Amino acid sequence: MLGGAVVLEEKWPVLGRHERAAEWLRVWTDLGRAPRTIDAYARGLAAYLLICERDDVDPVTAGRLHVAAFVKDLSTRPSHRGANVVALDSGAGLANATLQQRLVPVRLFYDYLTEEGLRESNPVGRGRYTPGRKFGSHERGLVPRLVKLPWIPSEQQCQVGQAEVPGGVS
């Protein structure tokens, strides 16, 4: 499906400059992955490739240090909501879930390069279960997965008419 690759390369020109990245996306497209999945993979991989270009690093041979530079870039970018927005989770960087989403295509790209014999290992860590250790023990992935807990009002806030739910819903 060459037409899909051309559209992706028009949207993210960096993909056209990296043969192996375009090849990897063609494989996923040929395997029949949903267009939005391919689009999300292209977006994440394009962001990584731009960081590799900025740092003058060949993405095929990049190491864990280069992936860490990508994570740092994602986690320190200015908020898209603007500097004047005040919220509990406002600030710099992408949300944890978005950061995880951007890392998936990079990890899969390196899995592909490893399977093709172009690399010995994948520099993008992933969480692993460690057998023989206490229940629930595992190695952490490159970026810890955070779960945002629900807001629970205090006893004072629960009194009739005093509970104000964050985000303006009450």
N, C-alpha and C. Protein backbone atom coordinates (compact mmCIF):
# COMPACT_ATOMS: atom_id res chain seq x y z
N MET A 1 0.85 -1.18 0.00
CA MET A 1 0.00 0.00 0.00
C MET A 1 0.88 1.24 0.00
N LEU A 2 1.44 1.54 -1.13
CA LEU A 2 2.36 2.66 -1.26
C LEU A 2 1.68 4.00 -1.06
N GLY A 3 0.41 4.12 -1.47
CA GLY A 3 -0.31 5.37 -1.33
C GLY A 3 -0.37 5.85 0.11
N GLY A 4 -0.59 4.93 1.05
CA GLY A 4 -0.63 5.29 2.47
C GLY A 4 0.71 5.80 2.96
N ALA A 5 1.80 5.19 2.48
CA ALA A 5 3.14 5.63 2.87
C ALA A 5 3.42 7.04 2.37
N VAL A 6 2.96 7.35 1.17
CA VAL A 6 3.17 8.67 0.60
C VAL A 6 2.45 9.72 1.44
N VAL A 7 1.23 9.42 1.86
CA VAL A 7 0.46 10.35 2.68
C VAL A 7 1.18 10.57 4.02
N LEU A 8 1.67 9.49 4.63
CA LEU A 8 2.40 9.61 5.89
C LEU A 8 3.65 10.47 5.72
N GLU A 9 4.36 10.26 4.64
CA GLU A 9 5.59 11.01 4.40
C GLU A 9 5.29 12.48 4.08
N GLU A 10 4.12 12.76 3.53
CA GLU A 10 3.72 14.16 3.32
C GLU A 10 3.42 14.81 4.65
N LYS A 11 2.76 14.08 5.53
CA LYS A 11 2.39 14.61 6.85
C LYS A 11 3.62 14.75 7.75
N TRP A 12 4.52 13.76 7.69
CA TRP A 12 5.75 13.76 8.48
C TRP A 12 6.93 13.49 7.53
N PRO A 13 7.47 14.54 6.92
CA PRO A 13 8.56 14.37 5.95
C PRO A 13 9.77 13.62 6.50
N VAL A 14 9.99 13.66 7.80
CA VAL A 14 11.13 12.97 8.40
C VAL A 14 11.07 11.46 8.11
N LEU A 15 9.89 10.91 7.94
CA LEU A 15 9.77 9.47 7.65
C LEU A 15 10.38 9.12 6.30
N GLY A 16 10.29 10.04 5.35
CA GLY A 16 10.87 9.80 4.03
C GLY A 16 12.39 9.84 4.04
N ARG A 17 12.97 10.45 5.06
CA ARG A 17 14.43 10.54 5.15
C ARG A 17 15.06 9.35 5.85
N HIS A 18 14.23 8.46 6.37
CA HIS A 18 14.74 7.29 7.10
C HIS A 18 14.11 6.02 6.53
N GLU A 19 14.88 5.37 5.65
CA GLU A 19 14.40 4.22 4.89
C GLU A 19 13.82 3.12 5.78
N ARG A 20 14.53 2.79 6.86
CA ARG A 20 14.09 1.70 7.73
C ARG A 20 12.78 2.04 8.44
N ALA A 21 12.58 3.29 8.80
CA ALA A 21 11.35 3.71 9.46
C ALA A 21 10.17 3.60 8.50
N ALA A 22 10.35 4.07 7.26
CA ALA A 22 9.29 3.97 6.26
C ALA A 22 8.99 2.50 5.96
N GLU A 23 10.02 1.69 5.91
CA GLU A 23 9.87 0.25 5.66
C GLU A 23 9.04 -0.39 6.78
N TRP A 24 9.38 -0.05 8.02
CA TRP A 24 8.66 -0.61 9.17
C TRP A 24 7.18 -0.23 9.14
N LEU A 25 6.88 1.02 8.80
CA LEU A 25 5.48 1.44 8.72
C LEU A 25 4.75 0.75 7.57
N ARG A 26 5.45 0.50 6.46
CA ARG A 26 4.84 -0.24 5.35
C ARG A 26 4.47 -1.66 5.78
N VAL A 27 5.32 -2.28 6.58
CA VAL A 27 5.03 -3.63 7.08
C VAL A 27 3.74 -3.61 7.89
N TRP A 28 3.62 -2.65 8.81
CA TRP A 28 2.42 -2.57 9.64
C TRP A 28 1.18 -2.29 8.78
N THR A 29 1.33 -1.44 7.77
CA THR A 29 0.23 -1.13 6.87
C THR A 29 -0.17 -2.37 6.09
N ASP A 30 0.82 -3.09 5.57
CA ASP A 30 0.55 -4.31 4.80
C ASP A 30 -0.07 -5.41 5.65
N LEU A 31 0.19 -5.39 6.95
CA LEU A 31 -0.42 -6.36 7.85
C LEU A 31 -1.87 -6.01 8.17
N GLY A 32 -2.34 -4.89 7.65
CA GLY A 32 -3.74 -4.53 7.79
C GLY A 32 -4.09 -3.77 9.06
N ARG A 33 -3.11 -3.14 9.68
CA ARG A 33 -3.41 -2.36 10.87
C ARG A 33 -4.32 -1.19 10.50
N ALA A 34 -5.13 -0.77 11.45
CA ALA A 34 -6.08 0.32 11.22
C ALA A 34 -5.35 1.61 10.86
N PRO A 35 -5.93 2.40 9.97
CA PRO A 35 -5.28 3.66 9.58
C PRO A 35 -4.93 4.57 10.75
N ARG A 36 -5.78 4.64 11.76
CA ARG A 36 -5.47 5.50 12.92
C ARG A 36 -4.31 4.95 13.73
N THR A 37 -4.18 3.64 13.76
CA THR A 37 -3.03 3.02 14.44
C THR A 37 -1.76 3.39 13.71
N ILE A 38 -1.78 3.24 12.39
CA ILE A 38 -0.61 3.61 11.58
C ILE A 38 -0.29 5.08 11.76
N ASP A 39 -1.30 5.92 11.79
CA ASP A 39 -1.11 7.36 11.97
C ASP A 39 -0.46 7.64 13.33
N ALA A 40 -0.92 6.98 14.38
CA ALA A 40 -0.35 7.18 15.72
C ALA A 40 1.09 6.68 15.76
N TYR A 41 1.36 5.54 15.13
CA TYR A 41 2.73 5.01 15.08
C TYR A 41 3.63 5.98 14.32
N ALA A 42 3.13 6.50 13.20
CA ALA A 42 3.92 7.44 12.39
C ALA A 42 4.23 8.70 13.20
N ARG A 43 3.25 9.21 13.93
CA ARG A 43 3.43 10.42 14.73
C ARG A 43 4.51 10.21 15.78
N GLY A 44 4.42 9.10 16.52
CA GLY A 44 5.40 8.82 17.57
C GLY A 44 6.79 8.60 17.01
N LEU A 45 6.89 7.82 15.93
CA LEU A 45 8.19 7.55 15.34
C LEU A 45 8.78 8.81 14.72
N ALA A 46 7.96 9.63 14.09
CA ALA A 46 8.44 10.88 13.50
C ALA A 46 9.01 11.80 14.57
N ALA A 47 8.35 11.88 15.71
CA ALA A 47 8.86 12.72 16.81
C ALA A 47 10.23 12.22 17.26
N TYR A 48 10.39 10.90 17.35
CA TYR A 48 11.68 10.32 17.75
C TYR A 48 12.75 10.59 16.69
N LEU A 49 12.41 10.41 15.43
CA LEU A 49 13.38 10.62 14.36
C LEU A 49 13.85 12.08 14.30
N LEU A 50 12.95 13.01 14.59
CA LEU A 50 13.34 14.42 14.62
C LEU A 50 14.36 14.68 15.73
N ILE A 51 14.19 14.04 16.88
CA ILE A 51 15.16 14.18 17.97
C ILE A 51 16.49 13.56 17.55
N CYS A 52 16.44 12.42 16.87
CA CYS A 52 17.69 11.80 16.38
C CYS A 52 18.40 12.73 15.41
N GLU A 53 17.64 13.34 14.50
CA GLU A 53 18.25 14.28 13.55
C GLU A 53 18.83 15.49 14.27
N ARG A 54 18.09 16.02 15.24
CA ARG A 54 18.56 17.18 16.00
C ARG A 54 19.89 16.88 16.67
N ASP A 55 20.01 15.66 17.21
CA ASP A 55 21.22 15.26 17.93
C ASP A 55 22.26 14.59 17.02
N ASP A 56 21.99 14.57 15.70
CA ASP A 56 22.89 13.95 14.72
C ASP A 56 23.21 12.50 15.07
N VAL A 57 22.15 11.72 15.32
CA VAL A 57 22.27 10.31 15.69
C VAL A 57 21.54 9.46 14.65
N ASP A 58 22.19 8.39 14.21
CA ASP A 58 21.54 7.44 13.31
C ASP A 58 20.55 6.62 14.14
N PRO A 59 19.24 6.69 13.85
CA PRO A 59 18.27 5.97 14.67
C PRO A 59 18.46 4.45 14.64
N VAL A 60 19.04 3.91 13.58
CA VAL A 60 19.25 2.46 13.52
C VAL A 60 20.28 2.02 14.56
N THR A 61 21.25 2.86 14.85
CA THR A 61 22.30 2.49 15.81
C THR A 61 22.18 3.21 17.15
N ALA A 62 21.15 4.01 17.32
CA ALA A 62 20.97 4.78 18.57
C ALA A 62 20.87 3.84 19.77
N GLY A 63 21.31 4.35 20.91
CA GLY A 63 21.28 3.55 22.13
C GLY A 63 20.28 4.08 23.14
N ARG A 64 20.32 3.49 24.31
CA ARG A 64 19.40 3.86 25.39
C ARG A 64 19.54 5.34 25.76
N LEU A 65 20.75 5.87 25.67
CA LEU A 65 20.99 7.27 25.97
C LEU A 65 20.18 8.17 25.05
N HIS A 66 20.08 7.80 23.79
CA HIS A 66 19.35 8.59 22.81
C HIS A 66 17.84 8.49 23.04
N VAL A 67 17.39 7.30 23.43
CA VAL A 67 15.97 7.13 23.74
C VAL A 67 15.64 7.96 24.99
N ALA A 68 16.55 7.98 25.95
CA ALA A 68 16.34 8.79 27.16
C ALA A 68 16.26 10.27 26.81
N ALA A 69 17.05 10.73 25.85
CA ALA A 69 16.98 12.13 25.41
C ALA A 69 15.61 12.43 24.81
N PHE A 70 15.04 11.46 24.09
CA PHE A 70 13.70 11.61 23.53
C PHE A 70 12.66 11.71 24.65
N VAL A 71 12.77 10.85 25.64
CA VAL A 71 11.84 10.88 26.77
C VAL A 71 11.94 12.22 27.50
N LYS A 72 13.18 12.68 27.69
CA LYS A 72 13.37 13.98 28.36
C LYS A 72 12.72 15.09 27.55
N ASP A 73 12.89 15.06 26.24
CA ASP A 73 12.28 16.08 25.39
C ASP A 73 10.76 16.06 25.53
N LEU A 74 10.17 14.88 25.51
CA LEU A 74 8.72 14.76 25.63
C LEU A 74 8.23 15.24 27.00
N SER A 75 9.02 14.95 28.03
CA SER A 75 8.57 15.27 29.38
C SER A 75 8.88 16.72 29.79
N THR A 76 9.58 17.47 28.95
CA THR A 76 9.89 18.86 29.29
C THR A 76 9.34 19.86 28.29
N ARG A 77 8.64 19.40 27.28
CA ARG A 77 8.03 20.33 26.32
C ARG A 77 7.03 21.22 27.03
N PRO A 78 6.90 22.48 26.60
CA PRO A 78 5.89 23.36 27.20
C PRO A 78 4.49 22.77 26.99
N SER A 79 3.62 23.01 27.94
CA SER A 79 2.26 22.51 27.87
C SER A 79 1.55 23.11 26.66
N HIS A 80 0.77 22.30 25.97
CA HIS A 80 0.01 22.81 24.82
C HIS A 80 -1.15 23.69 25.27
N ARG A 81 -1.46 23.65 26.57
CA ARG A 81 -2.56 24.46 27.10
C ARG A 81 -2.12 25.89 27.38
N GLY A 82 -0.83 26.15 27.32
CA GLY A 82 -0.32 27.50 27.56
C GLY A 82 0.17 27.67 28.98
N ALA A 83 1.00 28.67 29.18
CA ALA A 83 1.64 28.90 30.48
C ALA A 83 0.68 29.46 31.51
N ASN A 84 -0.41 30.08 31.09
CA ASN A 84 -1.32 30.74 32.03
C ASN A 84 -2.40 29.82 32.57
N VAL A 85 -2.48 28.59 32.09
CA VAL A 85 -3.51 27.66 32.56
C VAL A 85 -3.10 27.11 33.91
N VAL A 86 -4.00 27.18 34.87
CA VAL A 86 -3.72 26.66 36.20
C VAL A 86 -4.60 25.44 36.41
N ALA A 87 -3.98 24.30 36.60
CA ALA A 87 -4.69 23.06 36.87
C ALA A 87 -3.80 22.19 37.72
N LEU A 88 -4.38 21.19 38.36
CA LEU A 88 -3.59 20.31 39.21
C LEU A 88 -2.47 19.61 38.44
N ASP A 89 -2.75 19.24 37.19
CA ASP A 89 -1.76 18.50 36.41
C ASP A 89 -1.11 19.35 35.33
N SER A 90 -1.21 20.67 35.45
CA SER A 90 -0.62 21.52 34.42
C SER A 90 0.90 21.58 34.60
N GLY A 91 1.56 22.08 33.61
CA GLY A 91 3.01 22.19 33.66
C GLY A 91 3.62 21.76 32.36
N ALA A 92 4.89 21.45 32.41
CA ALA A 92 5.61 21.08 31.20
C ALA A 92 5.45 19.60 30.92
N GLY A 93 5.61 19.26 29.67
CA GLY A 93 5.65 17.87 29.27
C GLY A 93 4.30 17.28 28.92
N LEU A 94 4.39 16.14 28.24
CA LEU A 94 3.18 15.42 27.87
C LEU A 94 2.68 14.62 29.06
N ALA A 95 1.42 14.30 29.06
CA ALA A 95 0.85 13.45 30.10
C ALA A 95 1.52 12.08 30.02
N ASN A 96 1.55 11.37 31.14
CA ASN A 96 2.19 10.06 31.19
C ASN A 96 1.63 9.11 30.14
N ALA A 97 0.32 9.08 29.98
CA ALA A 97 -0.29 8.17 29.00
C ALA A 97 0.14 8.53 27.58
N THR A 98 0.26 9.82 27.27
CA THR A 98 0.70 10.25 25.95
C THR A 98 2.17 9.88 25.74
N LEU A 99 2.97 10.06 26.78
CA LEU A 99 4.38 9.69 26.69
C LEU A 99 4.51 8.19 26.41
N GLN A 100 3.72 7.38 27.11
CA GLN A 100 3.72 5.93 26.86
C GLN A 100 3.33 5.65 25.40
N GLN A 101 2.31 6.36 24.94
CA GLN A 101 1.83 6.17 23.58
C GLN A 101 2.89 6.52 22.54
N ARG A 102 3.69 7.56 22.79
CA ARG A 102 4.74 7.96 21.86
C ARG A 102 5.90 6.96 21.87
N LEU A 103 6.11 6.27 23.00
CA LEU A 103 7.21 5.31 23.09
C LEU A 103 6.90 3.97 22.41
N VAL A 104 5.64 3.60 22.33
CA VAL A 104 5.26 2.31 21.74
C VAL A 104 5.83 2.13 20.33
N PRO A 105 5.60 3.08 19.41
CA PRO A 105 6.14 2.86 18.06
C PRO A 105 7.67 2.82 18.04
N VAL A 106 8.32 3.54 18.92
CA VAL A 106 9.79 3.52 18.96
C VAL A 106 10.25 2.12 19.41
N ARG A 107 9.60 1.58 20.44
CA ARG A 107 9.95 0.24 20.91
C ARG A 107 9.68 -0.80 19.81
N LEU A 108 8.54 -0.69 19.14
CA LEU A 108 8.21 -1.64 18.07
C LEU A 108 9.16 -1.50 16.88
N PHE A 109 9.58 -0.28 16.58
CA PHE A 109 10.55 -0.05 15.51
C PHE A 109 11.86 -0.78 15.83
N TYR A 110 12.30 -0.66 17.08
CA TYR A 110 13.54 -1.34 17.46
C TYR A 110 13.36 -2.86 17.55
N ASP A 111 12.17 -3.32 17.89
CA ASP A 111 11.89 -4.77 17.82
C ASP A 111 12.07 -5.24 16.38
N TYR A 112 11.55 -4.47 15.44
CA TYR A 112 11.66 -4.80 14.02
C TYR A 112 13.12 -4.84 13.58
N LEU A 113 13.89 -3.83 13.97
CA LEU A 113 15.30 -3.80 13.58
C LEU A 113 16.06 -4.99 14.18
N THR A 114 15.70 -5.38 15.39
CA THR A 114 16.34 -6.52 16.03
C THR A 114 15.98 -7.81 15.29
N GLU A 115 14.69 -7.97 14.96
CA GLU A 115 14.25 -9.16 14.22
C GLU A 115 14.88 -9.25 12.85
N GLU A 116 15.15 -8.11 12.24
CA GLU A 116 15.78 -8.07 10.91
C GLU A 116 17.29 -8.27 10.98
N GLY A 117 17.84 -8.38 12.18
CA GLY A 117 19.27 -8.59 12.35
C GLY A 117 20.10 -7.33 12.22
N LEU A 118 19.47 -6.16 12.30
CA LEU A 118 20.20 -4.90 12.16
C LEU A 118 20.67 -4.37 13.51
N ARG A 119 20.17 -4.97 14.59
CA ARG A 119 20.57 -4.61 15.96
C ARG A 119 20.61 -5.88 16.79
N GLU A 120 21.37 -5.80 17.88
CA GLU A 120 21.41 -6.95 18.79
C GLU A 120 20.35 -6.85 19.86
N SER A 121 19.99 -5.62 20.23
CA SER A 121 19.01 -5.45 21.31
C SER A 121 18.16 -4.21 21.08
N ASN A 122 17.10 -4.11 21.88
CA ASN A 122 16.19 -2.98 21.80
C ASN A 122 16.52 -2.00 22.93
N PRO A 123 16.85 -0.74 22.60
CA PRO A 123 17.21 0.23 23.64
C PRO A 123 16.01 0.77 24.43
N VAL A 124 14.80 0.44 24.00
CA VAL A 124 13.61 0.91 24.70
C VAL A 124 13.18 -0.18 25.68
N GLY A 125 13.33 0.10 26.97
CA GLY A 125 12.98 -0.89 27.98
C GLY A 125 11.49 -1.13 28.05
N ARG A 126 11.15 -2.29 28.52
CA ARG A 126 9.74 -2.61 28.77
C ARG A 126 9.67 -3.33 30.09
N GLY A 127 8.58 -3.15 30.78
CA GLY A 127 8.40 -3.83 32.06
C GLY A 127 8.33 -5.34 31.87
N ARG A 128 8.92 -6.07 32.81
CA ARG A 128 8.91 -7.53 32.73
C ARG A 128 8.57 -8.12 34.09
N TYR A 129 7.85 -9.20 34.06
CA TYR A 129 7.55 -9.94 35.27
C TYR A 129 8.80 -10.71 35.68
N THR A 130 9.11 -10.70 36.97
CA THR A 130 10.28 -11.44 37.46
C THR A 130 9.78 -12.66 38.24
N PRO A 131 9.84 -13.87 37.64
CA PRO A 131 9.35 -15.05 38.35
C PRO A 131 10.22 -15.38 39.57
N GLY A 132 9.59 -16.00 40.55
CA GLY A 132 10.33 -16.42 41.74
C GLY A 132 10.45 -15.36 42.80
N ARG A 133 9.91 -14.19 42.55
CA ARG A 133 9.96 -13.12 43.54
C ARG A 133 8.57 -12.92 44.10
N LYS A 134 8.45 -12.06 45.08
CA LYS A 134 7.14 -11.86 45.71
C LYS A 134 6.08 -11.46 44.69
N PHE A 135 4.83 -11.68 45.06
CA PHE A 135 3.70 -11.38 44.17
C PHE A 135 3.74 -9.95 43.67
N GLY A 136 3.53 -9.79 42.38
CA GLY A 136 3.45 -8.46 41.80
C GLY A 136 4.80 -7.82 41.49
N SER A 137 5.89 -8.54 41.73
CA SER A 137 7.19 -7.93 41.46
C SER A 137 7.49 -7.97 39.96
N HIS A 138 8.08 -6.91 39.48
CA HIS A 138 8.44 -6.82 38.08
C HIS A 138 9.47 -5.72 37.91
N GLU A 139 10.16 -5.78 36.77
CA GLU A 139 11.10 -4.71 36.44
C GLU A 139 10.29 -3.57 35.81
N ARG A 140 10.69 -2.36 36.13
CA ARG A 140 10.01 -1.21 35.54
C ARG A 140 10.42 -1.03 34.09
N GLY A 141 9.51 -0.49 33.31
CA GLY A 141 9.82 -0.11 31.94
C GLY A 141 10.62 1.18 31.95
N LEU A 142 10.91 1.69 30.78
CA LEU A 142 11.70 2.91 30.66
C LEU A 142 11.01 4.10 31.33
N VAL A 143 9.70 4.18 31.18
CA VAL A 143 8.91 5.24 31.80
C VAL A 143 7.85 4.56 32.66
N PRO A 144 7.81 4.88 33.96
CA PRO A 144 6.81 4.24 34.80
C PRO A 144 5.39 4.62 34.37
N ARG A 145 4.50 3.67 34.46
CA ARG A 145 3.10 3.91 34.09
C ARG A 145 2.39 4.48 35.31
N LEU A 146 1.88 5.70 35.15
CA LEU A 146 1.18 6.35 36.25
C LEU A 146 -0.33 6.25 36.03
N VAL A 147 -1.04 6.07 37.10
CA VAL A 147 -2.49 6.02 37.04
C VAL A 147 -3.02 7.17 37.89
N LYS A 148 -3.80 8.03 37.27
CA LYS A 148 -4.36 9.18 37.97
C LYS A 148 -5.52 8.69 38.83
N LEU A 149 -5.41 8.91 40.13
CA LEU A 149 -6.45 8.48 41.05
C LEU A 149 -7.64 9.44 41.01
N PRO A 150 -8.83 8.92 41.30
CA PRO A 150 -10.00 9.80 41.28
C PRO A 150 -9.95 10.81 42.42
N TRP A 151 -10.58 11.95 42.20
CA TRP A 151 -10.66 12.98 43.23
C TRP A 151 -11.72 12.55 44.23
N ILE A 152 -11.39 12.59 45.51
CA ILE A 152 -12.33 12.26 46.58
C ILE A 152 -12.42 13.47 47.50
N PRO A 153 -13.63 13.98 47.67
CA PRO A 153 -13.77 15.17 48.52
C PRO A 153 -13.52 14.85 49.99
N SER A 154 -13.09 15.85 50.73
CA SER A 154 -12.90 15.69 52.17
C SER A 154 -14.26 15.66 52.86
N GLU A 155 -14.27 15.35 54.15
CA GLU A 155 -15.53 15.34 54.89
C GLU A 155 -16.19 16.70 54.86
N GLN A 156 -15.39 17.75 55.02
CA GLN A 156 -15.93 19.11 54.97
C GLN A 156 -16.58 19.39 53.63
N GLN A 157 -15.93 18.97 52.56
CA GLN A 157 -16.46 19.23 51.22
C GLN A 157 -17.71 18.42 50.94
N CYS A 158 -17.88 17.31 51.65
CA CYS A 158 -19.05 16.46 51.44
C CYS A 158 -20.31 17.03 52.06
N GLN A 159 -20.16 17.98 52.96
CA GLN A 159 -21.35 18.59 53.55
C GLN A 159 -22.17 19.25 52.44
N VAL A 160 -23.43 19.20 52.58
CA VAL A 160 -24.36 19.65 51.54
C VAL A 160 -23.97 21.03 50.99
N GLY A 161 -23.82 21.09 49.66
CA GLY A 161 -23.56 22.34 49.00
C GLY A 161 -22.13 22.82 49.03
N GLN A 162 -21.19 22.06 49.63
CA GLN A 162 -19.81 22.53 49.70
C GLN A 162 -18.87 21.79 48.78
N ALA A 163 -19.32 20.73 48.19
CA ALA A 163 -18.42 19.95 47.33
C ALA A 163 -18.31 20.61 45.96
N GLU A 164 -17.10 20.98 45.59
CA GLU A 164 -16.83 21.52 44.25
C GLU A 164 -15.88 20.56 43.56
N VAL A 165 -16.37 19.91 42.56
CA VAL A 165 -15.58 18.94 41.83
C VAL A 165 -14.61 19.67 40.91
N PRO A 166 -13.32 19.28 40.91
CA PRO A 166 -12.36 19.93 39.99
C PRO A 166 -12.86 19.81 38.55
N GLY A 167 -12.69 20.84 37.79
CA GLY A 167 -13.09 20.84 36.40
C GLY A 167 -14.45 21.48 36.19
N GLY A 168 -15.07 21.96 37.29
CA GLY A 168 -16.32 22.71 37.17
C GLY A 168 -17.58 21.86 37.19
N VAL A 169 -17.51 20.54 37.29
CA VAL A 169 -18.69 19.69 37.33
C VAL A 169 -19.04 19.46 38.79
N SER A 170 -20.29 19.69 39.16
CA SER A 170 -20.69 19.43 40.54
C SER A 170 -22.01 18.72 40.62
